[in-house]
Amino acid sequence: MVNYMKSASSVIFLVPGFPKDEEDTECLPLLQNYIFYFSKSHPAVPIAVIAFQYPYFIGKYKWNNIAVYSAGGKNQRRVFRILAWVRAVYYFLRLRHHMNVAVIHSFWLDECTFVGQCLAKAFQIKHVATIGGQEVKPSNRYLKYFDYARLTMTCWSRFSADDFQKVTGQKVDKIIPIGLDHQRFAAIAPAQVRKIDVLGVGSLIPIKNFKLFIEIVSELAAEFPGLEVKIIGEGPQYQNLKGLIRKKFQDNIQLVGKLSRRQVMNYMAQSKILLHTSSHESQGYVFMEALYYGMTIVSFDVGYLGQTEKAIRCISKEDMLANLRKLLKQQLNYDRVLLKPIEETVSEFRALYGAVNV
């Protein structure tokens, strides 16, 4: 157990998963970026992370000098999930013997917030809960067990806040998008030559709607025969999408597969337009990344797109096609847009925590 100063007010983060090591950049990048920069900005505030399901091993380890306690739930059900909760509570109780826990910050409105609520009530600790997005639906059984009057609710976008209110009838206390960790990728300069016309980035799952992406590109290719398109990502729809591409194209579009975050940034620096056909995004960190690397975004009105002319919100497939045709005929500018730096996010959450003395 880490030897903390008992008098120093501290924060414990309850998370569904966390990077297993410092090379694991693909695991919840928004979450890890926020915790990393909070720790970096407030070295006098002791923090610890309790991860419920991932990594799959059980025990304590260090990540960027931050103490992480893995309950190793492995996304198993029933009694195995309860065992992960027991481990998480055990870690919390041990930490509380060494830390003056002032704030519990739980991520996603499911098991982490449920366990966090129990601990916060038992020990009279402030509890901040952040909505992930897709867990806000009537089928989420956890939602009916939350005492919203005792929770400080946050989310990442107006889209997510509206979704939450429709399902629960409750309002969030604060909308705080996770800002971009731009300093870590500043060395990747925007490419002088943008060879890729349209880029797609995301998990190959139904909600991301890459079937619509391919249909749109198919129509564009008839008008722009030299169109070059890449899709970065992996998921259960990979083979189906590969078959659909084979039917419709020869050379226009390529499924690249899974890449590291840094490799994705390099692709963005060579691309003109990010086409995002997802029907739901609580924030869409890919928007911030694409804008920072000079791209123009064509998306449905989901997630956090900020206030920039380089982010075009669409209401239909036809709207997307019209905007893409217009953009592909233009000489685009590739100036970087920094929607929100991660430092702003840290300051906003720091103010929300309140009880933590720095």
Foldseek 3Di string as FASTA:
>chain_A
DDQAAAPFEAEEEEEQEDDPEQQRCPPPVLVVVLVLVLCVVCVSHQYAYEHQAPPQDAAWDAYNNHIYGYLNLVPDDDPSSVSSLVSSVVVVVVVNVRYNYAEYEYEAQADRVVSVQVVCVVVVHQYEYEHQAPCLDLVRPSLVVDPVVRYQYEFADPQRQVSNCVRNVDGHNYHFHQFDQCVVQVVQAQDPAQQAEEEEEDEPDVQQPVVLVLVLVLVVCVVVVSHAYEYEYYYDCVVVVVVVCVVRDDHRYDYPYYDRPNVVLNNLSNYAEYEGEGPEGRAPVVLQSNLQSQHAYEYAPYHDNADDPSYHHDDDSVRSSVVSVVSVVDDGTRHHDRRGHNVVSSVVVVVVSVVRDD
